[in-house]
Every structure is written in structure tokens, then in C-alpha cells.
Amino acid sequence: MKKLVLAALIAAVATPAVAADAVAPSKLNVTVSAPLFDKDGKRVGNVYRVASDGSPQLIIDEGRLVTVPATTLSEANGKLTTSLTKREITSARH
């Protein structure tokens, strides 16, 4: 019985660590209302909300919600920047 309780405790403690590693958010501090710039330095828009994986979501083109992959993000000159162009973002079909 003690072994079963011990095994259950170990599993309960180990599970959150595994889950945290499975969904690694972007290392950048993406915040709501922060401006997002494309790779050419053009302002794409402000972050509307942040997905659980750290991907910023913006409302563009009169109400269309687009998600910019967190893997494309970096910080350039203190600005949140994506490696995509504004055209690539606005033409994406989500």
C-alpha cells in the first residue's frame, strides 16, 4: 500500500513538469496591445490577445482575427517583430 501511495505521489509531482515542457511559450514577453512589426519594420497592428503558445493574435482588415506564429517572433531594436511580411500576415487564411 505504501508503494502505491508513493508511486501516486511521484506521478502527481512529475506530471506538471512534463506538461510544462510540452507547451513551451515564446521566450518573448508578448503582451496585449503591444505593437507588432513585420520584417520590413512596418507596423502590422496591436496584439489583441495572446494564445497559450505565445502566438500573438491581431484583428486586421476590418475585424479579421489572425494568429502570428510565436516561432516567427523576435525583438529588434526593442520592438516585437515577426519574420513575416505584413502582406504574408494579412493574406493568411485562418
N, C-alpha and C. Protein backbone atom coordinates (compact mmCIF):
# COMPACT_ATOMS: atom_id res chain seq x y z
N MET A 1 0.81 -1.18 0.00
CA MET A 1 0.00 0.00 0.00
C MET A 1 0.86 1.26 0.00
N LYS A 2 1.94 1.24 0.80
CA LYS A 2 2.83 2.40 0.86
C LYS A 2 3.48 2.65 -0.50
N LYS A 3 3.82 1.57 -1.21
CA LYS A 3 4.44 1.72 -2.53
C LYS A 3 3.47 2.34 -3.52
N LEU A 4 2.20 1.99 -3.41
CA LEU A 4 1.18 2.55 -4.30
C LEU A 4 1.01 4.04 -4.05
N VAL A 5 0.97 4.44 -2.80
CA VAL A 5 0.85 5.86 -2.44
C VAL A 5 2.08 6.63 -2.91
N LEU A 6 3.25 6.05 -2.71
CA LEU A 6 4.49 6.68 -3.13
C LEU A 6 4.51 6.85 -4.65
N ALA A 7 4.09 5.83 -5.38
CA ALA A 7 4.05 5.91 -6.83
C ALA A 7 3.06 6.97 -7.30
N ALA A 8 1.93 7.08 -6.63
CA ALA A 8 0.94 8.09 -6.99
C ALA A 8 1.48 9.50 -6.74
N LEU A 9 2.18 9.69 -5.65
CA LEU A 9 2.78 11.00 -5.34
C LEU A 9 3.84 11.38 -6.37
N ILE A 10 4.67 10.44 -6.74
CA ILE A 10 5.71 10.70 -7.75
C ILE A 10 5.06 11.07 -9.08
N ALA A 11 4.03 10.35 -9.46
CA ALA A 11 3.33 10.64 -10.72
C ALA A 11 2.68 12.02 -10.69
N ALA A 12 2.10 12.38 -9.56
CA ALA A 12 1.43 13.68 -9.44
C ALA A 12 2.43 14.82 -9.51
N VAL A 13 3.60 14.63 -8.94
CA VAL A 13 4.63 15.68 -8.95
C VAL A 13 5.29 15.76 -10.33
N ALA A 14 5.48 14.65 -11.00
CA ALA A 14 6.17 14.64 -12.29
C ALA A 14 5.28 15.13 -13.42
N THR A 15 3.98 14.95 -13.34
CA THR A 15 3.08 15.31 -14.43
C THR A 15 3.11 16.79 -14.79
N PRO A 16 3.04 17.73 -13.84
CA PRO A 16 3.09 19.14 -14.23
C PRO A 16 4.37 19.52 -14.95
N ALA A 17 5.50 18.94 -14.58
CA ALA A 17 6.76 19.26 -15.25
C ALA A 17 6.72 18.81 -16.70
N VAL A 18 6.17 17.65 -16.96
CA VAL A 18 6.07 17.16 -18.32
C VAL A 18 5.13 18.05 -19.13
N ALA A 19 4.00 18.42 -18.56
CA ALA A 19 3.05 19.28 -19.26
C ALA A 19 3.66 20.64 -19.56
N ALA A 20 4.43 21.19 -18.64
CA ALA A 20 5.04 22.50 -18.85
C ALA A 20 6.05 22.44 -19.99
N ASP A 21 6.77 21.34 -20.12
CA ASP A 21 7.74 21.21 -21.20
C ASP A 21 7.06 21.01 -22.55
N ALA A 22 5.90 20.40 -22.56
CA ALA A 22 5.21 20.12 -23.82
C ALA A 22 4.72 21.38 -24.49
N VAL A 23 4.31 22.37 -23.74
CA VAL A 23 3.82 23.64 -24.29
C VAL A 23 4.74 24.74 -23.82
N ALA A 24 5.81 24.95 -24.56
CA ALA A 24 6.78 25.97 -24.19
C ALA A 24 6.39 27.29 -24.84
N PRO A 25 5.93 28.26 -24.05
CA PRO A 25 5.57 29.55 -24.63
C PRO A 25 6.79 30.28 -25.15
N SER A 26 6.54 31.24 -25.99
CA SER A 26 7.61 32.05 -26.56
C SER A 26 8.43 32.67 -25.43
N LYS A 27 9.72 32.80 -25.64
CA LYS A 27 10.59 33.39 -24.62
C LYS A 27 10.36 34.90 -24.52
N LEU A 28 9.75 35.49 -25.54
CA LEU A 28 9.49 36.92 -25.53
C LEU A 28 8.28 37.24 -24.66
N ASN A 29 8.27 38.44 -24.16
CA ASN A 29 7.14 38.89 -23.35
C ASN A 29 6.12 39.55 -24.28
N VAL A 30 5.22 38.75 -24.84
CA VAL A 30 4.19 39.26 -25.74
C VAL A 30 3.00 39.69 -24.89
N THR A 31 2.63 40.96 -24.99
CA THR A 31 1.55 41.48 -24.16
C THR A 31 0.45 42.08 -25.02
N VAL A 32 -0.75 42.07 -24.47
CA VAL A 32 -1.91 42.64 -25.15
C VAL A 32 -1.66 44.13 -25.36
N SER A 33 -2.03 44.61 -26.52
CA SER A 33 -1.93 45.99 -27.00
C SER A 33 -0.52 46.39 -27.43
N ALA A 34 0.45 45.48 -27.34
CA ALA A 34 1.80 45.79 -27.82
C ALA A 34 1.78 45.85 -29.35
N PRO A 35 2.47 46.81 -29.94
CA PRO A 35 2.53 46.86 -31.40
C PRO A 35 3.41 45.74 -31.95
N LEU A 36 3.02 45.20 -33.10
CA LEU A 36 3.79 44.16 -33.78
C LEU A 36 4.26 44.71 -35.11
N PHE A 37 5.53 44.51 -35.42
CA PHE A 37 6.12 44.99 -36.66
C PHE A 37 6.54 43.82 -37.53
N ASP A 38 6.48 44.01 -38.85
CA ASP A 38 6.89 42.94 -39.76
C ASP A 38 8.40 43.02 -39.99
N LYS A 39 8.90 42.13 -40.84
CA LYS A 39 10.35 42.05 -41.04
C LYS A 39 10.92 43.29 -41.73
N ASP A 40 10.05 44.07 -42.39
CA ASP A 40 10.50 45.29 -43.04
C ASP A 40 10.36 46.52 -42.13
N GLY A 41 9.92 46.29 -40.89
CA GLY A 41 9.77 47.39 -39.95
C GLY A 41 8.42 48.09 -40.02
N LYS A 42 7.51 47.57 -40.85
CA LYS A 42 6.16 48.16 -40.95
C LYS A 42 5.30 47.67 -39.80
N ARG A 43 4.51 48.58 -39.26
CA ARG A 43 3.60 48.23 -38.16
C ARG A 43 2.45 47.41 -38.73
N VAL A 44 2.24 46.22 -38.17
CA VAL A 44 1.15 45.35 -38.61
C VAL A 44 -0.12 45.68 -37.83
N GLY A 45 0.01 45.90 -36.53
CA GLY A 45 -1.12 46.19 -35.67
C GLY A 45 -0.77 45.93 -34.23
N ASN A 46 -1.75 46.08 -33.37
CA ASN A 46 -1.54 45.82 -31.94
C ASN A 46 -2.05 44.43 -31.60
N VAL A 47 -1.38 43.80 -30.64
CA VAL A 47 -1.77 42.47 -30.18
C VAL A 47 -3.13 42.57 -29.49
N TYR A 48 -4.08 41.77 -29.97
CA TYR A 48 -5.43 41.72 -29.39
C TYR A 48 -5.47 40.78 -28.20
N ARG A 49 -4.85 39.61 -28.38
CA ARG A 49 -4.72 38.64 -27.30
C ARG A 49 -3.56 37.72 -27.62
N VAL A 50 -3.15 36.94 -26.63
CA VAL A 50 -2.00 36.05 -26.79
C VAL A 50 -2.49 34.61 -26.59
N ALA A 51 -2.20 33.76 -27.57
CA ALA A 51 -2.58 32.35 -27.48
C ALA A 51 -1.73 31.65 -26.43
N SER A 52 -2.16 30.47 -26.03
CA SER A 52 -1.47 29.73 -24.97
C SER A 52 -0.03 29.38 -25.33
N ASP A 53 0.28 29.31 -26.62
CA ASP A 53 1.65 29.00 -27.04
C ASP A 53 2.50 30.25 -27.22
N GLY A 54 1.96 31.43 -26.89
CA GLY A 54 2.71 32.67 -27.01
C GLY A 54 2.52 33.39 -28.32
N SER A 55 1.69 32.84 -29.21
CA SER A 55 1.45 33.46 -30.51
C SER A 55 0.52 34.66 -30.36
N PRO A 56 0.95 35.83 -30.87
CA PRO A 56 0.06 36.99 -30.79
C PRO A 56 -1.07 36.89 -31.80
N GLN A 57 -2.24 37.35 -31.41
CA GLN A 57 -3.40 37.40 -32.30
C GLN A 57 -3.76 38.86 -32.49
N LEU A 58 -3.99 39.24 -33.74
CA LEU A 58 -4.31 40.62 -34.08
C LEU A 58 -5.62 40.66 -34.83
N ILE A 59 -6.32 41.77 -34.71
CA ILE A 59 -7.52 41.99 -35.52
C ILE A 59 -7.11 42.94 -36.63
N ILE A 60 -7.27 42.47 -37.87
CA ILE A 60 -6.89 43.26 -39.03
C ILE A 60 -8.03 43.25 -40.04
N ASP A 61 -7.88 44.05 -41.08
CA ASP A 61 -8.84 44.05 -42.19
C ASP A 61 -10.29 44.10 -41.72
N GLU A 62 -10.61 45.10 -40.95
CA GLU A 62 -11.98 45.32 -40.51
C GLU A 62 -12.58 44.15 -39.74
N GLY A 63 -11.81 43.61 -38.81
CA GLY A 63 -12.37 42.62 -37.90
C GLY A 63 -11.91 41.19 -38.07
N ARG A 64 -10.97 40.93 -38.96
CA ARG A 64 -10.49 39.56 -39.15
C ARG A 64 -9.38 39.27 -38.14
N LEU A 65 -9.52 38.15 -37.42
CA LEU A 65 -8.53 37.74 -36.43
C LEU A 65 -7.48 36.86 -37.09
N VAL A 66 -6.22 37.24 -36.94
CA VAL A 66 -5.12 36.42 -37.47
C VAL A 66 -4.15 36.10 -36.34
N THR A 67 -3.55 34.94 -36.44
CA THR A 67 -2.56 34.50 -35.46
C THR A 67 -1.20 34.48 -36.12
N VAL A 68 -0.24 35.12 -35.49
CA VAL A 68 1.14 35.14 -35.98
C VAL A 68 1.90 34.10 -35.15
N PRO A 69 2.50 33.10 -35.82
CA PRO A 69 3.19 32.04 -35.08
C PRO A 69 4.29 32.58 -34.17
N ALA A 70 4.32 32.10 -32.95
CA ALA A 70 5.33 32.53 -31.98
C ALA A 70 6.74 32.22 -32.47
N THR A 71 6.87 31.20 -33.31
CA THR A 71 8.19 30.82 -33.82
C THR A 71 8.78 31.86 -34.76
N THR A 72 7.95 32.81 -35.22
CA THR A 72 8.44 33.85 -36.13
C THR A 72 8.83 35.12 -35.39
N LEU A 73 8.68 35.15 -34.08
CA LEU A 73 8.87 36.38 -33.31
C LEU A 73 10.30 36.57 -32.84
N SER A 74 10.68 37.84 -32.75
CA SER A 74 11.95 38.24 -32.16
C SER A 74 11.78 39.67 -31.67
N GLU A 75 12.82 40.17 -31.03
CA GLU A 75 12.80 41.56 -30.61
C GLU A 75 13.91 42.27 -31.36
N ALA A 76 13.55 43.30 -32.11
CA ALA A 76 14.52 44.07 -32.88
C ALA A 76 14.41 45.53 -32.47
N ASN A 77 15.49 46.08 -31.97
CA ASN A 77 15.51 47.47 -31.52
C ASN A 77 14.41 47.75 -30.50
N GLY A 78 14.16 46.80 -29.63
CA GLY A 78 13.15 46.97 -28.59
C GLY A 78 11.72 46.79 -29.07
N LYS A 79 11.54 46.35 -30.32
CA LYS A 79 10.19 46.18 -30.89
C LYS A 79 9.90 44.71 -31.12
N LEU A 80 8.66 44.32 -30.84
CA LEU A 80 8.20 42.97 -31.13
C LEU A 80 8.08 42.84 -32.64
N THR A 81 8.84 41.91 -33.22
CA THR A 81 8.94 41.80 -34.67
C THR A 81 8.73 40.37 -35.10
N THR A 82 8.09 40.21 -36.27
CA THR A 82 7.92 38.89 -36.87
C THR A 82 8.79 38.79 -38.12
N SER A 83 9.18 37.58 -38.47
CA SER A 83 9.98 37.38 -39.68
C SER A 83 9.10 37.36 -40.93
N LEU A 84 7.79 37.49 -40.74
CA LEU A 84 6.85 37.54 -41.87
C LEU A 84 6.68 38.97 -42.34
N THR A 85 6.22 39.13 -43.58
CA THR A 85 5.89 40.46 -44.07
C THR A 85 4.44 40.76 -43.72
N LYS A 86 4.09 42.02 -43.77
CA LYS A 86 2.71 42.41 -43.50
C LYS A 86 1.76 41.75 -44.50
N ARG A 87 2.20 41.65 -45.74
CA ARG A 87 1.39 41.01 -46.78
C ARG A 87 1.15 39.54 -46.46
N GLU A 88 2.18 38.84 -45.99
CA GLU A 88 2.03 37.42 -45.63
C GLU A 88 1.02 37.26 -44.49
N ILE A 89 1.06 38.17 -43.55
CA ILE A 89 0.15 38.09 -42.41
C ILE A 89 -1.28 38.41 -42.83
N THR A 90 -1.45 39.46 -43.61
CA THR A 90 -2.82 39.88 -44.00
C THR A 90 -3.43 38.94 -45.02
N SER A 91 -2.61 38.23 -45.77
CA SER A 91 -3.18 37.30 -46.76
C SER A 91 -3.41 35.91 -46.22
N ALA A 92 -2.99 35.66 -44.98
CA ALA A 92 -3.17 34.34 -44.37
C ALA A 92 -4.65 34.05 -44.18
N ARG A 93 -5.03 32.83 -44.44
CA ARG A 93 -6.42 32.40 -44.26
C ARG A 93 -6.50 31.54 -43.02
N HIS A 94 -7.06 32.08 -41.96
CA HIS A 94 -7.21 31.34 -40.68
C HIS A 94 -8.65 31.08 -40.42
